[in-house]
Amino acid sequence: MQKTATPRPVRTVDAGPMASLAGLLREWLPRQRWFAGKDRPVTDLALVSMTELFPGCLHLLVHAGHGGVPTPGGTPPAGDCYQLLLGVRRHLSPRLGRALIGRAEEGPLAGLTVFDALQDPRSAQLLLERLRRPGTAGPLRFETAPSPTVPSGLVPRLMDAEQSNTSLVYGDAFILKLFRRVQPGINPDLEVPEALAEQDCRRVPAPVAWFRTTHPQEATLGVLQPFLRDAHDGWALALRALATGDDFTAQARQLGQATAEVHLALAAAFPTGAHDESVRTASAMTERLDAAAHAVPALRPYVPGLRAAFGTLVACDPGPPAQRIHGDLHLGQVLRAGRDWFVIDFEGEPSRPLAERRAAQSPVRDIAGMLRSFDYAARQRRPWRPEWARRCREAFCAGYADRAGWDPRKKHGLLRAYETDRAVYEVLYEARHRPDWLPVPMAAIERLAVRGG
């Protein structure tokens, strides 16, 4: 890792502009795809840090709360910290109309137009220039890998796919992921690919540059990696196969092999733990089930059967040792370029605490996530193709067994428990973000609630 260079003078803006921004952000934040509190009003906005990254562009970390009062020590009420890059201009070009946040009516920015700077090509280019060279900007630290060198002048484009972060592609050569929801500590999407690069694991693109903050605590803010320009994600490939009636089992088997190779590299790169602590894991799964059933009434009739699935976890074969895993593996997190599969997005589920996402866990959790994804794909077309999903699931597990040395299909109780836990997560997610998709995980819930389903 290349160390940061001597800091250059950068003006850190005080909290005064929040008098101009708070009202605008309170309206704008809940409309963003990556904002986690859509179902709750934003009642509190607190500035964590604000730095002028370059003229006309402010970098902010903002804590958004949803009710409650600060603790006696002054700690903000429960909520989330978000990373924002805001442009500030007297007038906004019509071509940036979609980026508009609003016009400040009071405070030090009164009369100025505020917009999402990541949708502005000029701001995006300046951000890449900042990433190309190690250095500092207030509390921000920019760092680079020894190679490759990132050229200047790459044309940016904002990816418009639904996701929990924001990604910019530069010249179809590099992709920058900016983490919107920020937690203290190193983000797995930097930590894991960097460690796998040292293991010479070619299944995961290595980090090229990244930046972080040191105030109020150290946290990863963004990672630049090579962009696989001719690659297609597994979700798109699966849907194409379904639409054309093509078989997908060969690809699924190769994907299982690639997943096992990544798991083996992760086990070599990070310390492994003991076999999964089944009692504690089952208890955590049950707690998540109870919380989801409280939020989604449709889940409640199936709770007894789902609890039984977690109960089998305690009595079943403990399975492989716990290790670092992907944490949110599905067809949208893998890319196929030529004949090779690549695994991306090691952030894990952003809704879960960072410490949990970085903890050693059973690799069966990743396998269950991919199996659920095949089921999701099969249900995108009518009539539903359960046999297509079953063949893909079998092929994936067979491919995994080829490389891993153990067969997930022989860990039936363990696999059922993790697949159930994943389906419960999906129910809660769909109910909050995509209600029309709720029948997809609910169909799995009905199956898994039956003993041995």
Protein backbone atom coordinates (compact mmCIF):
# COMPACT_ATOMS: atom_id res chain seq x y z
CA MET A 1 0.00 0.00 0.00
CA GLN A 2 1.39 3.42 -0.96
CA LYS A 3 1.46 5.87 1.92
CA THR A 4 -0.18 9.27 1.81
CA ALA A 5 1.87 12.25 0.71
CA THR A 6 2.47 15.44 2.68
CA PRO A 7 -0.89 17.11 3.35
CA ARG A 8 -1.76 20.11 1.23
CA PRO A 9 -3.77 23.00 2.67
CA VAL A 10 -7.50 22.39 2.31
CA ARG A 11 -10.27 24.46 3.82
CA THR A 12 -12.56 22.48 6.12
CA VAL A 13 -15.97 24.13 6.20
CA ASP A 14 -17.63 24.72 9.56
CA ALA A 15 -21.12 23.56 10.49
CA GLY A 16 -22.77 26.84 9.48
CA PRO A 17 -23.91 25.62 6.03
CA MET A 18 -26.22 23.07 7.65
CA ALA A 19 -28.51 26.00 8.33
CA SER A 20 -28.84 26.14 4.53
CA LEU A 21 -28.84 22.42 3.84
CA ALA A 22 -30.87 20.75 6.59
CA GLY A 23 -34.30 21.49 5.14
CA LEU A 24 -33.24 20.47 1.62
CA LEU A 25 -31.65 17.22 2.76
CA ARG A 26 -34.60 16.28 4.95
CA GLU A 27 -36.74 16.24 1.79
CA TRP A 28 -34.14 14.79 -0.60
CA LEU A 29 -32.61 11.96 1.40
CA PRO A 30 -35.72 9.75 1.75
CA ARG A 31 -36.15 9.77 -2.05
CA GLN A 32 -32.74 8.19 -2.66
CA ARG A 33 -32.49 4.48 -3.45
CA TRP A 34 -29.60 4.05 -0.99
CA PHE A 35 -31.31 5.75 1.96
CA ALA A 36 -32.14 3.14 4.60
CA GLY A 37 -34.85 5.01 6.51
CA LYS A 38 -37.52 5.40 3.83
CA ASP A 39 -40.24 4.10 6.10
CA ARG A 40 -39.40 6.61 8.86
CA PRO A 41 -39.40 10.42 8.75
CA VAL A 42 -36.04 12.16 9.10
CA THR A 43 -36.37 14.03 12.39
CA ASP A 44 -32.73 14.81 13.14
CA LEU A 45 -29.84 15.86 10.90
CA ALA A 46 -26.41 16.32 12.42
CA LEU A 47 -23.24 17.29 10.57
CA VAL A 48 -20.43 14.81 11.24
CA SER A 49 -17.87 16.44 8.94
CA MET A 50 -17.83 18.81 5.98
CA THR A 51 -14.87 19.52 3.71
CA GLU A 52 -14.51 21.55 0.54
CA LEU A 53 -13.14 18.83 -1.71
CA PHE A 54 -12.60 21.31 -4.55
CA PRO A 55 -14.21 24.65 -5.42
CA GLY A 56 -17.97 24.24 -5.67
CA CYS A 57 -18.03 20.71 -4.21
CA LEU A 58 -18.62 19.88 -0.55
CA HIS A 59 -17.94 16.48 0.93
CA LEU A 60 -20.29 15.74 3.85
CA LEU A 61 -20.85 13.03 6.37
CA VAL A 62 -24.33 13.55 7.80
CA HIS A 63 -26.05 11.64 10.58
CA ALA A 64 -29.77 11.14 9.87
CA GLY A 65 -31.90 10.26 12.87
CA HIS A 66 -35.49 9.11 13.08
CA GLY A 67 -36.61 10.26 16.47
CA GLY A 68 -35.25 10.05 19.98
CA VAL A 69 -33.04 12.36 21.97
CA PRO A 70 -29.26 12.55 22.40
CA THR A 71 -27.71 10.64 25.26
CA PRO A 72 -26.39 12.60 28.28
CA GLY A 73 -22.93 12.44 26.71
CA GLY A 74 -24.20 14.15 23.57
CA THR A 75 -24.24 11.07 21.31
CA PRO A 76 -26.77 11.50 18.49
CA PRO A 77 -29.91 9.33 18.65
CA ALA A 78 -30.04 6.09 16.68
CA GLY A 79 -29.78 6.50 12.93
CA ASP A 80 -27.26 6.21 10.11
CA CYS A 81 -24.32 8.20 8.78
CA TYR A 82 -24.40 9.01 5.05
CA GLN A 83 -21.76 10.23 2.64
CA LEU A 84 -22.80 13.08 0.33
CA LEU A 85 -20.99 15.03 -2.36
CA LEU A 86 -22.90 18.25 -2.94
CA GLY A 87 -22.33 20.77 -5.68
CA VAL A 88 -23.08 24.43 -4.95
CA ARG A 89 -23.57 26.96 -7.78
CA ARG A 90 -25.42 30.16 -8.47
CA HIS A 91 -27.20 28.58 -11.44
CA LEU A 92 -27.58 24.94 -12.46
CA SER A 93 -27.29 23.84 -16.08
CA PRO A 94 -30.55 22.38 -17.46
CA ARG A 95 -28.70 19.16 -18.30
CA LEU A 96 -28.21 18.60 -14.57
CA GLY A 97 -31.89 18.92 -13.75
CA ARG A 98 -32.06 15.39 -12.32
CA ALA A 99 -29.23 16.24 -9.91
CA LEU A 100 -31.11 19.16 -8.35
CA ILE A 101 -31.59 19.04 -4.59
CA GLY A 102 -32.93 22.54 -4.16
CA ARG A 103 -32.19 26.20 -3.68
CA ALA A 104 -30.95 27.31 -0.27
CA GLU A 105 -33.21 30.00 1.18
CA GLU A 106 -31.33 30.80 4.38
CA GLY A 107 -27.95 30.51 6.05
CA PRO A 108 -24.55 31.08 4.44
CA LEU A 109 -25.54 29.35 1.17
CA ALA A 110 -28.73 31.41 0.71
CA GLY A 111 -29.45 32.05 -2.95
CA LEU A 112 -27.25 29.17 -4.18
CA THR A 113 -28.42 26.00 -5.92
CA VAL A 114 -27.47 22.69 -4.31
CA PHE A 115 -27.21 19.47 -6.34
CA ASP A 116 -25.82 15.93 -6.24
CA ALA A 117 -22.27 16.43 -7.50
CA LEU A 118 -21.88 12.78 -8.49
CA GLN A 119 -24.32 13.40 -11.37
CA ASP A 120 -22.13 16.23 -12.69
CA PRO A 121 -19.45 14.96 -15.15
CA ARG A 122 -17.05 17.80 -14.26
CA SER A 123 -17.26 17.04 -10.53
CA ALA A 124 -16.88 13.31 -11.22
CA GLN A 125 -13.72 13.97 -13.24
CA LEU A 126 -12.26 16.14 -10.49
CA LEU A 127 -12.99 13.40 -7.98
CA LEU A 128 -11.01 10.91 -10.09
CA GLU A 129 -8.12 13.38 -10.26
CA ARG A 130 -8.18 13.50 -6.48
CA LEU A 131 -8.07 9.70 -6.33
CA ARG A 132 -5.18 9.41 -8.78
CA ARG A 133 -2.68 10.90 -6.34
CA PRO A 134 -2.15 10.00 -2.69
CA GLY A 135 -2.75 12.87 -0.30
CA THR A 136 -5.19 14.46 2.10
CA ALA A 137 -8.10 16.86 2.07
CA GLY A 138 -9.03 17.83 5.59
CA PRO A 139 -9.98 14.57 7.36
CA LEU A 140 -10.03 12.68 4.03
CA ARG A 141 -7.15 10.40 3.08
CA PHE A 142 -6.54 9.30 -0.53
CA GLU A 143 -4.39 6.23 -1.12
CA THR A 144 -3.31 4.17 -4.13
CA ALA A 145 -2.00 0.70 -4.86
CA PRO A 146 1.49 0.45 -6.41
CA SER A 147 -0.06 -0.41 -9.78
CA PRO A 148 -1.72 0.05 -12.18
CA THR A 149 -1.48 3.79 -12.83
CA VAL A 150 -4.83 5.48 -13.42
CA PRO A 151 -4.65 7.80 -16.46
CA SER A 152 -6.19 11.25 -16.39
CA GLY A 153 -9.05 12.44 -18.56
CA LEU A 154 -11.21 9.32 -18.34
CA VAL A 155 -14.83 10.14 -19.15
CA PRO A 156 -17.18 9.34 -16.24
CA ARG A 157 -20.65 7.88 -16.35
CA LEU A 158 -22.95 7.28 -13.44
CA MET A 159 -24.35 3.77 -13.18
CA ASP A 160 -28.12 3.89 -12.83
CA ALA A 161 -28.71 0.36 -11.56
CA GLU A 162 -30.59 0.05 -8.28
CA GLN A 163 -28.10 -0.42 -5.47
CA SER A 164 -27.33 0.61 -1.92
CA ASN A 165 -24.31 2.70 -2.96
CA THR A 166 -23.32 4.90 -5.90
CA SER A 167 -20.93 3.77 -8.64
CA LEU A 168 -19.12 5.74 -11.33
CA VAL A 169 -17.45 4.14 -14.35
CA TYR A 170 -14.45 5.95 -15.82
CA GLY A 171 -13.62 5.35 -19.47
CA ASP A 172 -14.89 1.78 -19.22
CA ALA A 173 -11.56 1.08 -17.49
CA PHE A 174 -12.25 1.65 -13.78
CA ILE A 175 -15.26 1.69 -11.49
CA LEU A 176 -15.52 3.74 -8.31
CA LYS A 177 -17.93 2.63 -5.61
CA LEU A 178 -18.82 5.29 -3.06
CA PHE A 179 -20.30 3.93 0.13
CA ARG A 180 -23.38 5.94 0.99
CA ARG A 181 -24.05 4.41 4.39
CA VAL A 182 -20.83 4.81 6.38
CA GLN A 183 -19.81 2.89 9.49
CA PRO A 184 -16.54 3.18 11.44
CA GLY A 185 -13.85 0.70 10.41
CA ILE A 186 -12.44 -0.69 7.19
CA ASN A 187 -15.12 -1.72 4.72
CA PRO A 188 -14.93 -5.36 3.58
CA ASP A 189 -15.19 -4.19 -0.03
CA LEU A 190 -11.68 -2.78 0.38
CA GLU A 191 -10.27 -5.19 2.94
CA VAL A 192 -11.25 -8.44 1.20
CA PRO A 193 -10.21 -7.69 -2.42
CA GLU A 194 -6.91 -6.28 -1.16
CA ALA A 195 -6.22 -9.45 0.84
CA LEU A 196 -7.27 -11.70 -2.05
CA ALA A 197 -4.93 -9.83 -4.41
CA GLU A 198 -2.09 -10.84 -2.11
CA GLN A 199 -3.29 -14.44 -2.48
CA ASP A 200 -3.15 -14.02 -6.27
CA CYS A 201 -6.86 -14.80 -6.49
CA ARG A 202 -7.86 -13.71 -9.99
CA ARG A 203 -11.58 -14.15 -9.34
CA VAL A 204 -11.82 -10.75 -7.60
CA PRO A 205 -10.70 -7.40 -9.14
CA ALA A 206 -8.01 -5.82 -6.94
CA PRO A 207 -8.33 -2.27 -5.52
CA VAL A 208 -6.49 0.44 -7.43
CA ALA A 209 -7.21 3.46 -5.21
CA TRP A 210 -9.42 4.29 -2.25
CA PHE A 211 -10.22 7.03 0.20
CA ARG A 212 -11.25 7.15 3.83
CA THR A 213 -11.97 9.59 6.61
CA THR A 214 -10.17 9.90 9.93
CA HIS A 215 -12.82 12.05 11.64
CA PRO A 216 -14.59 11.39 13.91
CA GLN A 217 -13.46 7.77 13.44
CA GLU A 218 -11.68 6.05 10.60
CA ALA A 219 -14.05 4.73 7.93
CA THR A 220 -13.77 3.66 4.29
CA LEU A 221 -15.56 6.00 1.87
CA GLY A 222 -14.86 4.67 -1.62
CA VAL A 223 -12.88 2.10 -3.64
CA LEU A 224 -11.65 2.28 -7.27
CA GLN A 225 -11.22 -1.06 -9.08
CA PRO A 226 -10.73 -2.26 -12.66
CA PHE A 227 -13.96 -2.34 -14.65
CA LEU A 228 -14.67 -5.53 -16.60
CA ARG A 229 -16.11 -3.83 -19.66
CA ASP A 230 -17.20 -6.93 -21.58
CA ALA A 231 -18.63 -8.71 -18.55
CA HIS A 232 -22.28 -9.48 -17.88
CA ASP A 233 -23.69 -10.05 -14.43
CA GLY A 234 -25.05 -13.45 -13.52
CA TRP A 235 -28.57 -12.14 -13.05
CA ALA A 236 -28.77 -10.84 -16.64
CA LEU A 237 -27.28 -14.05 -18.01
CA ALA A 238 -29.73 -16.21 -16.08
CA LEU A 239 -32.72 -14.19 -17.26
CA ARG A 240 -31.45 -14.39 -20.84
CA ALA A 241 -31.16 -18.17 -20.57
CA LEU A 242 -34.70 -18.37 -19.20
CA ALA A 243 -36.05 -16.15 -21.98
CA THR A 244 -34.42 -18.18 -24.75
CA GLY A 245 -35.00 -21.57 -23.18
CA ASP A 246 -31.26 -22.24 -22.96
CA ASP A 247 -29.75 -24.50 -20.36
CA PHE A 248 -27.79 -22.72 -17.60
CA THR A 249 -26.44 -25.69 -15.68
CA ALA A 250 -22.92 -25.55 -17.17
CA GLN A 251 -22.59 -21.90 -16.16
CA ALA A 252 -24.05 -22.66 -12.72
CA ARG A 253 -21.53 -25.45 -12.18
CA GLN A 254 -18.63 -23.19 -13.17
CA LEU A 255 -20.00 -20.53 -10.84
CA GLY A 256 -20.00 -23.06 -8.00
CA GLN A 257 -16.35 -23.82 -8.76
CA ALA A 258 -15.47 -20.12 -8.77
CA THR A 259 -17.27 -19.59 -5.46
CA ALA A 260 -15.34 -22.43 -3.85
CA GLU A 261 -12.04 -21.00 -5.15
CA VAL A 262 -12.85 -17.63 -3.59
CA HIS A 263 -13.77 -19.31 -0.30
CA LEU A 264 -10.48 -21.23 -0.29
CA ALA A 265 -8.55 -18.01 -0.94
CA LEU A 266 -10.47 -16.26 1.86
CA ALA A 267 -9.64 -19.08 4.26
CA ALA A 268 -5.96 -18.66 3.39
CA ALA A 269 -6.04 -14.85 3.64
CA PHE A 270 -7.87 -14.53 6.96
CA PRO A 271 -7.84 -16.53 10.20
CA THR A 272 -10.51 -19.22 10.27
CA GLY A 273 -12.69 -19.80 13.30
CA ALA A 274 -14.12 -22.84 14.97
CA HIS A 275 -17.02 -24.73 13.46
CA ASP A 276 -20.10 -22.54 13.38
CA GLU A 277 -21.48 -22.02 16.91
CA SER A 278 -24.85 -23.51 16.08
CA VAL A 279 -26.73 -22.51 19.24
CA ARG A 280 -25.70 -18.87 18.97
CA THR A 281 -26.30 -18.81 15.20
CA ALA A 282 -29.76 -20.35 15.54
CA SER A 283 -30.62 -17.85 18.26
CA ALA A 284 -29.57 -14.92 16.05
CA MET A 285 -31.60 -16.32 13.15
CA THR A 286 -34.64 -16.67 15.40
CA GLU A 287 -34.29 -13.07 16.59
CA ARG A 288 -34.18 -11.86 12.98
CA LEU A 289 -37.25 -13.97 12.21
CA ASP A 290 -39.20 -12.50 15.12
CA ALA A 291 -38.26 -8.95 14.12
CA ALA A 292 -39.24 -9.57 10.49
CA ALA A 293 -42.57 -11.14 11.49
CA HIS A 294 -43.33 -8.11 13.63
CA ALA A 295 -42.74 -5.84 10.62
CA VAL A 296 -44.37 -8.05 7.93
CA PRO A 297 -47.68 -9.63 9.04
CA ALA A 298 -47.75 -12.03 6.07
CA LEU A 299 -44.79 -13.85 7.64
CA ARG A 300 -46.46 -14.60 10.97
CA PRO A 301 -48.39 -17.81 10.08
CA TYR A 302 -45.13 -19.49 9.06
CA VAL A 303 -43.08 -18.60 12.14
CA PRO A 304 -43.47 -22.00 13.92
CA GLY A 305 -42.26 -23.94 10.88
CA LEU A 306 -39.38 -21.55 10.27
CA ARG A 307 -38.30 -21.80 13.90
CA ALA A 308 -38.11 -25.57 13.38
CA ALA A 309 -35.67 -25.02 10.50
CA PHE A 310 -33.39 -23.11 12.85
CA GLY A 311 -33.83 -25.80 15.49
CA THR A 312 -32.41 -28.43 13.13
CA LEU A 313 -29.25 -26.30 12.91
CA VAL A 314 -28.42 -27.10 16.52
CA ALA A 315 -28.67 -30.85 16.00
CA CYS A 316 -27.15 -31.16 12.53
CA ASP A 317 -23.59 -31.70 11.33
CA PRO A 318 -21.71 -28.47 12.18
CA GLY A 319 -20.32 -28.24 8.67
CA PRO A 320 -17.11 -26.47 7.63
CA PRO A 321 -15.20 -24.11 9.93
CA ALA A 322 -16.25 -20.48 10.08
CA GLN A 323 -14.21 -18.14 7.88
CA ARG A 324 -14.46 -14.83 6.05
CA ILE A 325 -17.12 -15.03 3.35
CA HIS A 326 -18.80 -12.76 0.82
CA GLY A 327 -21.83 -12.20 3.02
CA ASP A 328 -24.39 -11.20 0.37
CA LEU A 329 -23.76 -13.55 -2.53
CA HIS A 330 -26.30 -13.73 -5.36
CA LEU A 331 -26.38 -13.63 -9.16
CA GLY A 332 -26.10 -9.84 -9.20
CA GLN A 333 -22.77 -10.04 -7.35
CA VAL A 334 -20.96 -12.13 -9.96
CA LEU A 335 -19.74 -11.23 -13.43
CA ARG A 336 -18.92 -13.47 -16.40
CA ALA A 337 -16.25 -12.25 -18.81
CA GLY A 338 -15.46 -14.72 -21.56
CA ARG A 339 -15.49 -18.13 -19.88
CA ASP A 340 -14.55 -16.87 -16.42
CA TRP A 341 -16.67 -15.92 -13.42
CA PHE A 342 -15.64 -13.03 -11.14
CA VAL A 343 -17.02 -12.19 -7.70
CA ILE A 344 -17.59 -8.54 -6.74
CA ASP A 345 -19.17 -6.40 -4.01
CA PHE A 346 -17.79 -7.80 -0.76
CA GLU A 347 -19.51 -5.16 1.34
CA GLY A 348 -22.04 -7.65 2.69
CA GLU A 349 -25.55 -6.60 3.69
CA PRO A 350 -25.23 -2.84 4.43
CA SER A 351 -28.06 -3.02 6.97
CA ARG A 352 -25.98 -5.22 9.26
CA PRO A 353 -23.24 -3.87 11.58
CA LEU A 354 -19.77 -3.67 10.05
CA ALA A 355 -18.26 -5.87 12.77
CA GLU A 356 -20.79 -8.60 11.93
CA ARG A 357 -20.04 -8.35 8.22
CA ARG A 358 -16.30 -8.71 8.90
CA ALA A 359 -16.72 -11.66 11.24
CA ALA A 360 -15.96 -15.27 10.35
CA GLN A 361 -19.12 -17.12 9.32
CA SER A 362 -20.10 -20.40 7.74
CA PRO A 363 -19.48 -20.50 3.96
CA VAL A 364 -22.88 -22.20 3.75
CA ARG A 365 -24.39 -18.74 4.13
CA ASP A 366 -22.93 -17.68 0.76
CA ILE A 367 -24.09 -20.92 -0.85
CA ALA A 368 -27.63 -20.40 0.45
CA GLY A 369 -27.65 -16.85 -0.94
CA MET A 370 -26.79 -18.10 -4.42
CA LEU A 371 -29.37 -20.87 -4.27
CA ARG A 372 -32.04 -18.32 -3.36
CA SER A 373 -30.91 -16.21 -6.32
CA PHE A 374 -31.57 -19.03 -8.78
CA ASP A 375 -35.09 -19.25 -7.38
CA TYR A 376 -35.53 -15.47 -7.80
CA ALA A 377 -34.45 -15.72 -11.44
CA ALA A 378 -36.79 -18.62 -12.20
CA ARG A 379 -39.76 -16.63 -10.89
CA GLN A 380 -39.17 -13.67 -13.21
CA ARG A 381 -41.01 -15.38 -16.05
CA ARG A 382 -44.41 -17.01 -16.21
CA PRO A 383 -45.07 -19.83 -16.04
CA TRP A 384 -42.69 -20.28 -13.13
CA ARG A 385 -39.79 -22.62 -13.93
CA PRO A 386 -39.07 -24.52 -10.67
CA GLU A 387 -37.26 -27.29 -12.56
CA TRP A 388 -34.86 -24.74 -14.07
CA ALA A 389 -34.02 -23.45 -10.60
CA ARG A 390 -33.63 -26.98 -9.21
CA ARG A 391 -31.16 -27.98 -11.95
CA CYS A 392 -29.13 -24.79 -11.44
CA ARG A 393 -29.03 -25.32 -7.69
CA GLU A 394 -27.83 -28.90 -8.15
CA ALA A 395 -25.18 -27.85 -10.68
CA PHE A 396 -23.91 -25.02 -8.49
CA CYS A 397 -23.51 -27.32 -5.48
CA ALA A 398 -21.81 -29.97 -7.62
CA GLY A 399 -19.34 -27.40 -8.94
CA TYR A 400 -18.68 -26.15 -5.44
CA ALA A 401 -17.99 -29.71 -4.26
CA ASP A 402 -15.52 -30.16 -7.13
CA ARG A 403 -13.23 -27.47 -5.71
CA ALA A 404 -14.05 -27.29 -2.00
CA GLY A 405 -13.70 -30.96 -1.11
CA TRP A 406 -17.08 -31.12 0.62
CA ASP A 407 -20.61 -31.18 -0.77
CA PRO A 408 -23.17 -28.59 0.42
CA ARG A 409 -25.99 -30.97 -0.50
CA LYS A 410 -24.85 -33.33 2.26
CA LYS A 411 -25.32 -30.56 4.86
CA HIS A 412 -29.09 -30.51 4.41
CA GLY A 413 -30.09 -29.18 7.83
CA LEU A 414 -27.40 -26.53 7.77
CA LEU A 415 -28.28 -25.45 4.24
CA ARG A 416 -32.01 -25.31 5.04
CA ALA A 417 -31.36 -23.09 8.08
CA TYR A 418 -29.24 -20.62 6.14
CA GLU A 419 -31.61 -20.57 3.19
CA THR A 420 -34.48 -19.88 5.59
CA ASP A 421 -32.54 -17.03 7.20
CA ARG A 422 -31.87 -15.58 3.76
CA ALA A 423 -35.54 -15.84 2.75
CA VAL A 424 -36.59 -14.05 5.94
CA TYR A 425 -34.16 -11.23 5.09
CA GLU A 426 -35.63 -11.07 1.58
CA VAL A 427 -39.18 -10.80 2.91
CA LEU A 428 -38.25 -7.83 5.07
CA TYR A 429 -36.30 -6.18 2.24
CA GLU A 430 -39.03 -6.59 -0.35
CA ALA A 431 -41.74 -5.40 2.03
CA ARG A 432 -39.79 -2.20 2.62
CA HIS A 433 -38.40 -1.49 -0.83
CA ARG A 434 -40.21 -3.52 -3.53
CA PRO A 435 -43.62 -4.72 -2.31
CA ASP A 436 -44.47 -6.13 -5.74
CA TRP A 437 -41.63 -8.64 -5.33
CA LEU A 438 -42.83 -9.91 -1.94
CA PRO A 439 -44.48 -13.05 -3.40
CA VAL A 440 -41.05 -14.32 -4.53
CA PRO A 441 -39.52 -14.84 -1.07
CA MET A 442 -42.92 -15.70 0.41
CA ALA A 443 -43.10 -18.72 -1.91
CA ALA A 444 -39.80 -19.91 -0.46
CA ILE A 445 -41.07 -19.24 3.05
CA GLU A 446 -44.05 -21.53 2.41
CA ARG A 447 -41.70 -24.28 1.22
CA LEU A 448 -39.12 -23.88 3.97
CA ALA A 449 -41.71 -23.72 6.75
CA VAL A 450 -42.55 -27.36 5.98
CA ARG A 451 -40.10 -29.68 7.74
CA GLY A 452 -37.44 -30.78 5.29
CA GLY A 453 -38.62 -28.23 2.68
